[in-house]
Amino acid sequence: DDVEPLAQLSAGDPALYARSVCGPVAICRAFGDKWLSYLLARQHGLAFAESCLVSADPAELRAFVERVGWPVIAKPRDGFSSKGIFLIDTDAQLAAMRERGNYVLQEYLGDPAHFARFKANLTGIGIPLFHTLHGEKHSLELMFSPDSTPHGVFATYNEQRFRARFVKPNVEAATIALGAECNRVFSGLGWRGPLNIQCQLDRHGIVKIHEFNGRYGALAAERALLGFDEVSLGIKLFTGHEVPPSRWATEPAKWACAQLVSRAPVPSYVDALTRDGVWSRPDA
């Protein structure tokens, strides 16, 4: 929510503009709206999940479903963090979704057979207490300098398994090519700073975008372990300050796992924080 107001502030201040990690107001607004994101991608020839407004004419909705196939995903236009999202696969569900108004339908990016097996288990076995249909995501992390020059493409596979998230580098030619095309498009549109792009394979194996995020992604720490320290790169580009590289820059991990753990604080760290107001981990 902070990206669009930052764009509005910097638009009228040339000195602030060059130091603001954002882009034009219209692009920031499009990132916060699933339908506008689809129109933006289509306008610039970027592969994006086929989309349709739930408020469209019933005949148009029917044509959309016939074109992309069941199931389809219903997302709030201004939603985030997978909240309020529904997978629907019947005409009755589609009719009920029309009553919600502020929703957009997207084609299901993934294997429909996976969804079919999950749905069959709901009636045959029961509802699992913890479940997700996210599948394996293909994430792109891009970075643009204050003059909108792109600085490479870093792609990963991300998969959520219960309370752990596994991340590894993605070097597939199609994914990297899509990232390069996004670099070209958003450099031309005047984007500055980080740009996180979420993708998945459609049912035909084609990598497609389903979300733009004009910020650092949630996997910044994992990507640093894999050799791409986007935070340090952003600091260097926008302040000129060079953060000393970690050992992961030259010895990147092959994969990373993030999970919640309970850990007691080291007493000496607590003493240092009490005494000096700061502490540092000697093993960092």
Protein backbone atom coordinates (compact mmCIF):
# COMPACT_ATOMS: atom_id res chain seq x y z
CA ASP A 1 0.00 0.00 0.00
CA ASP A 2 2.93 2.38 0.46
CA VAL A 3 4.22 2.19 -3.14
CA GLU A 4 1.50 4.29 -4.78
CA PRO A 5 1.66 7.16 -2.21
CA LEU A 6 5.45 7.17 -2.60
CA ALA A 7 5.01 7.48 -6.37
CA GLN A 8 2.60 10.38 -5.87
CA LEU A 9 5.06 12.17 -3.58
CA SER A 10 8.06 11.68 -5.86
CA ALA A 11 6.22 12.60 -9.08
CA GLY A 12 6.27 16.30 -8.17
CA ASP A 13 9.77 16.41 -6.70
CA PRO A 14 12.70 15.73 -9.09
CA ALA A 15 15.18 15.33 -6.22
CA LEU A 16 12.98 12.77 -4.50
CA TYR A 17 12.11 11.02 -7.76
CA ALA A 18 15.65 9.73 -8.34
CA ARG A 19 15.83 8.31 -4.80
CA SER A 20 12.40 6.68 -4.66
CA VAL A 21 12.10 2.93 -5.18
CA CYS A 22 8.89 2.91 -7.19
CA GLY A 23 7.61 3.93 -10.60
CA PRO A 24 4.90 6.06 -12.19
CA VAL A 25 1.64 6.30 -10.24
CA ALA A 26 -0.37 4.48 -12.93
CA ILE A 27 2.00 1.48 -12.83
CA CYS A 28 1.88 1.32 -9.03
CA ARG A 29 -1.91 1.44 -9.17
CA ALA A 30 -1.95 -1.39 -11.70
CA PHE A 31 0.21 -3.55 -9.43
CA GLY A 32 -2.41 -3.22 -6.68
CA ASP A 33 -5.30 -4.30 -8.91
CA LYS A 34 -5.42 -7.80 -10.44
CA TRP A 35 -7.49 -6.66 -13.40
CA LEU A 36 -5.30 -3.66 -14.16
CA SER A 37 -2.24 -5.92 -13.85
CA TYR A 38 -3.72 -8.18 -16.53
CA LEU A 39 -4.46 -5.23 -18.83
CA LEU A 40 -0.95 -3.82 -18.29
CA ALA A 41 0.68 -7.15 -19.16
CA ARG A 42 -1.54 -7.66 -22.20
CA GLN A 43 -0.79 -4.13 -23.44
CA HIS A 44 2.95 -4.86 -23.38
CA GLY A 45 2.85 -8.44 -24.62
CA LEU A 46 3.80 -10.13 -21.33
CA ALA A 47 2.49 -13.66 -20.70
CA PHE A 48 -0.12 -13.27 -17.93
CA ALA A 49 -2.82 -15.58 -16.59
CA GLU A 50 -5.97 -15.20 -18.70
CA SER A 51 -8.43 -13.06 -16.72
CA CYS A 52 -12.04 -11.89 -16.74
CA LEU A 53 -14.09 -9.68 -14.42
CA VAL A 54 -16.84 -11.52 -12.52
CA SER A 55 -19.09 -8.57 -13.35
CA ALA A 56 -18.80 -9.35 -17.07
CA ASP A 57 -21.80 -10.40 -19.12
CA PRO A 58 -22.79 -14.05 -18.36
CA ALA A 59 -22.07 -15.01 -21.96
CA GLU A 60 -18.58 -13.55 -21.65
CA LEU A 61 -18.00 -15.47 -18.41
CA ARG A 62 -19.14 -18.69 -20.04
CA ALA A 63 -16.82 -18.09 -23.01
CA PHE A 64 -13.94 -17.43 -20.60
CA VAL A 65 -14.50 -20.71 -18.74
CA GLU A 66 -14.82 -22.65 -21.99
CA ARG A 67 -11.55 -21.13 -23.18
CA VAL A 68 -9.43 -21.75 -20.06
CA GLY A 69 -11.26 -24.73 -18.53
CA TRP A 70 -12.27 -25.57 -14.95
CA PRO A 71 -11.21 -24.85 -12.31
CA VAL A 72 -10.77 -21.07 -12.32
CA ILE A 73 -9.47 -18.87 -9.53
CA ALA A 74 -11.51 -15.99 -8.13
CA LYS A 75 -9.37 -13.25 -6.56
CA PRO A 76 -10.27 -9.88 -5.01
CA ARG A 77 -9.08 -7.20 -7.40
CA ASP A 78 -7.22 -5.45 -4.58
CA GLY A 79 -6.36 -8.55 -2.54
CA PHE A 80 -2.98 -9.73 -1.27
CA SER A 81 -1.30 -12.61 0.59
CA SER A 82 -3.76 -15.20 -0.83
CA LYS A 83 -6.63 -13.76 1.24
CA GLY A 84 -10.19 -14.12 -0.04
CA ILE A 85 -9.20 -16.40 -2.93
CA PHE A 86 -11.52 -19.18 -4.12
CA LEU A 87 -11.08 -22.07 -6.52
CA ILE A 88 -14.37 -22.67 -8.31
CA ASP A 89 -15.39 -25.36 -10.78
CA THR A 90 -19.17 -25.22 -11.19
CA ASP A 91 -21.66 -22.88 -12.80
CA ALA A 92 -23.42 -22.48 -9.43
CA GLN A 93 -20.20 -21.30 -7.77
CA LEU A 94 -19.55 -18.94 -10.66
CA ALA A 95 -23.03 -17.44 -10.29
CA ALA A 96 -22.50 -16.99 -6.53
CA MET A 97 -19.15 -15.31 -7.15
CA ARG A 98 -20.84 -12.71 -9.37
CA GLU A 99 -22.62 -11.41 -6.26
CA ARG A 100 -19.27 -10.46 -4.69
CA GLY A 101 -18.59 -7.85 -7.37
CA ASN A 102 -15.00 -6.79 -6.70
CA TYR A 103 -13.47 -10.00 -8.04
CA VAL A 104 -11.53 -11.10 -11.08
CA LEU A 105 -11.35 -14.62 -12.47
CA GLN A 106 -8.02 -16.06 -13.54
CA GLU A 107 -7.17 -19.28 -15.30
CA TYR A 108 -5.83 -21.96 -12.97
CA LEU A 109 -2.06 -22.04 -13.30
CA GLY A 110 -1.10 -25.59 -12.47
CA ASP A 111 -2.17 -29.16 -13.09
CA PRO A 112 -5.98 -29.49 -13.03
CA ALA A 113 -5.52 -33.18 -12.10
CA HIS A 114 -3.95 -32.08 -8.81
CA PHE A 115 -7.05 -30.05 -8.01
CA ALA A 116 -9.32 -32.94 -9.05
CA ARG A 117 -7.51 -35.36 -6.72
CA PHE A 118 -7.73 -32.89 -3.85
CA LYS A 119 -11.46 -32.35 -4.38
CA ALA A 120 -12.11 -36.10 -4.58
CA ASN A 121 -10.32 -36.60 -1.27
CA LEU A 122 -12.57 -34.02 0.40
CA THR A 123 -15.55 -36.31 -0.07
CA GLY A 124 -13.73 -39.63 0.06
CA ILE A 125 -11.41 -39.03 3.03
CA GLY A 126 -12.19 -35.66 4.62
CA ILE A 127 -10.89 -32.11 4.82
CA PRO A 128 -7.21 -31.90 5.82
CA LEU A 129 -6.62 -29.49 8.67
CA PHE A 130 -3.62 -27.95 6.87
CA HIS A 131 -3.54 -27.77 3.10
CA THR A 132 -2.46 -25.59 0.22
CA LEU A 133 -2.89 -25.69 -3.54
CA HIS A 134 -0.12 -23.19 -4.25
CA GLY A 135 2.11 -25.74 -5.96
CA GLU A 136 5.55 -24.75 -7.19
CA LYS A 137 5.90 -21.05 -7.93
CA HIS A 138 8.32 -19.51 -10.38
CA SER A 139 9.41 -16.16 -8.92
CA LEU A 140 11.31 -13.40 -10.71
CA GLU A 141 13.22 -10.74 -8.82
CA LEU A 142 14.34 -7.73 -10.86
CA MET A 143 16.20 -4.59 -9.87
CA PHE A 144 16.30 -1.21 -11.61
CA SER A 145 18.67 1.68 -10.92
CA PRO A 146 17.44 5.27 -10.32
CA ASP A 147 17.55 5.87 -14.10
CA SER A 148 15.51 2.66 -14.68
CA THR A 149 18.44 0.62 -16.01
CA PRO A 150 17.73 -3.09 -15.31
CA HIS A 151 20.29 -5.08 -13.33
CA GLY A 152 19.79 -8.70 -14.28
CA VAL A 153 17.19 -11.38 -13.65
CA PHE A 154 17.17 -13.74 -10.68
CA ALA A 155 14.62 -16.54 -10.78
CA THR A 156 13.69 -19.18 -8.21
CA TYR A 157 11.40 -22.12 -7.65
CA ASN A 158 9.45 -21.73 -4.41
CA GLU A 159 7.33 -24.37 -2.74
CA GLN A 160 5.44 -24.21 0.54
CA ARG A 161 5.34 -27.46 2.50
CA PHE A 162 3.33 -27.24 5.71
CA ARG A 163 5.22 -24.60 7.74
CA ALA A 164 8.42 -24.66 5.70
CA ARG A 165 9.27 -22.90 2.45
CA PHE A 166 11.83 -24.38 0.06
CA VAL A 167 13.62 -22.18 -2.48
CA LYS A 168 16.14 -23.04 -5.19
CA PRO A 169 17.50 -21.26 -8.28
CA ASN A 170 15.52 -21.48 -11.51
CA VAL A 171 17.59 -21.39 -14.69
CA GLU A 172 14.88 -22.49 -17.13
CA ALA A 173 15.31 -20.62 -20.41
CA ALA A 174 11.60 -19.74 -20.66
CA THR A 175 11.49 -18.22 -17.18
CA ILE A 176 14.69 -16.23 -17.69
CA ALA A 177 13.41 -15.02 -21.06
CA LEU A 178 10.18 -13.80 -19.44
CA GLY A 179 12.27 -11.97 -16.83
CA ALA A 180 14.35 -10.35 -19.56
CA GLU A 181 11.18 -9.23 -21.34
CA CYS A 182 9.88 -7.75 -18.06
CA ASN A 183 13.19 -5.92 -17.70
CA ARG A 184 12.69 -4.37 -21.12
CA VAL A 185 9.07 -3.39 -20.50
CA PHE A 186 9.45 -1.91 -17.03
CA SER A 187 12.70 -0.13 -17.83
CA GLY A 188 10.79 1.61 -20.60
CA LEU A 189 7.97 2.44 -18.19
CA GLY A 190 10.37 4.11 -15.76
CA TRP A 191 10.40 1.60 -12.90
CA ARG A 192 13.05 2.10 -10.21
CA GLY A 193 14.13 -0.27 -7.44
CA PRO A 194 13.02 -3.87 -6.83
CA LEU A 195 10.25 -5.59 -8.76
CA ASN A 196 8.96 -8.99 -7.66
CA ILE A 197 6.95 -11.01 -10.20
CA GLN A 198 5.06 -14.20 -9.32
CA CYS A 199 4.61 -16.82 -12.03
CA GLN A 200 3.49 -20.40 -12.46
CA LEU A 201 3.19 -22.89 -15.28
CA ASP A 202 -0.21 -23.15 -16.92
CA ARG A 203 -1.78 -26.51 -17.79
CA HIS A 204 0.21 -26.53 -21.04
CA GLY A 205 3.56 -25.95 -19.33
CA ILE A 206 3.85 -22.28 -20.32
CA VAL A 207 5.19 -19.94 -17.63
CA LYS A 208 2.78 -17.07 -16.99
CA ILE A 209 2.68 -14.11 -14.62
CA HIS A 210 -0.16 -13.87 -12.12
CA GLU A 211 1.04 -11.03 -9.87
CA PHE A 212 3.33 -7.99 -9.84
CA ASN A 213 4.78 -6.61 -6.59
CA GLY A 214 6.63 -3.31 -6.68
CA ARG A 215 8.83 -4.10 -3.71
CA TYR A 216 11.31 -6.58 -2.31
CA GLY A 217 9.78 -10.04 -2.23
CA ALA A 218 9.26 -12.17 0.87
CA LEU A 219 12.14 -14.41 -0.19
CA ALA A 220 14.88 -11.77 -0.03
CA ALA A 221 16.75 -13.62 2.73
CA GLU A 222 16.60 -16.95 0.91
CA ARG A 223 17.76 -15.36 -2.34
CA ALA A 224 20.75 -13.85 -0.50
CA LEU A 225 21.74 -17.38 0.57
CA LEU A 226 21.44 -18.43 -3.08
CA GLY A 227 23.87 -15.69 -4.14
CA PHE A 228 21.57 -12.79 -5.07
CA ASP A 229 21.63 -10.11 -2.35
CA GLU A 230 18.99 -7.75 -3.75
CA VAL A 231 18.89 -5.64 -0.57
CA SER A 232 22.60 -4.82 -0.78
CA LEU A 233 22.23 -4.16 -4.51
CA GLY A 234 19.38 -1.74 -3.87
CA ILE A 235 21.38 0.09 -1.19
CA LYS A 236 24.33 0.41 -3.56
CA LEU A 237 22.24 1.68 -6.47
CA PHE A 238 20.26 4.25 -4.48
CA THR A 239 22.80 5.41 -1.87
CA GLY A 240 26.21 4.54 -3.30
CA HIS A 241 27.05 2.63 -0.12
CA GLU A 242 28.57 -0.82 -0.59
CA VAL A 243 27.53 -3.40 1.97
CA PRO A 244 30.36 -5.92 2.53
CA PRO A 245 29.42 -9.14 0.73
CA SER A 246 28.61 -12.23 2.74
CA ARG A 247 30.24 -15.57 2.00
CA TRP A 248 27.06 -16.57 0.16
CA ALA A 249 28.00 -14.17 -2.65
CA THR A 250 30.90 -16.40 -3.66
CA GLU A 251 29.69 -19.71 -2.18
CA PRO A 252 25.94 -19.70 -2.87
CA ALA A 253 23.76 -22.46 -1.45
CA LYS A 254 22.07 -24.88 -3.84
CA TRP A 255 18.73 -24.46 -2.00
CA ALA A 256 17.36 -22.73 1.07
CA CYS A 257 14.61 -23.54 3.55
CA ALA A 258 12.76 -21.04 5.75
CA GLN A 259 10.69 -22.19 8.69
CA LEU A 260 9.53 -20.90 12.04
CA VAL A 261 11.53 -22.15 15.02
CA SER A 262 11.51 -21.40 18.73
CA ARG A 263 14.90 -20.41 20.10
CA ALA A 264 16.00 -18.91 23.39
CA PRO A 265 18.22 -15.81 23.16
CA VAL A 266 21.93 -16.24 23.86
CA PRO A 267 22.57 -14.70 27.30
CA SER A 268 25.73 -12.88 26.16
CA TYR A 269 23.75 -11.21 23.34
CA VAL A 270 21.15 -10.02 25.84
CA ASP A 271 23.90 -8.63 28.09
CA ALA A 272 25.47 -6.79 25.14
CA LEU A 273 22.11 -5.32 24.13
CA THR A 274 21.45 -4.15 27.69
CA ARG A 275 24.92 -2.66 28.04
CA ASP A 276 25.50 -1.14 24.59
CA GLY A 277 22.04 -0.78 23.08
CA VAL A 278 23.09 -2.95 20.14
CA TRP A 279 24.31 -6.47 19.58
CA SER A 280 25.86 -8.41 16.74
CA ARG A 281 26.11 -12.11 16.11
CA PRO A 282 29.73 -13.21 15.74
CA ASP A 283 28.60 -16.07 13.49
CA ALA A 284 26.61 -13.86 11.08
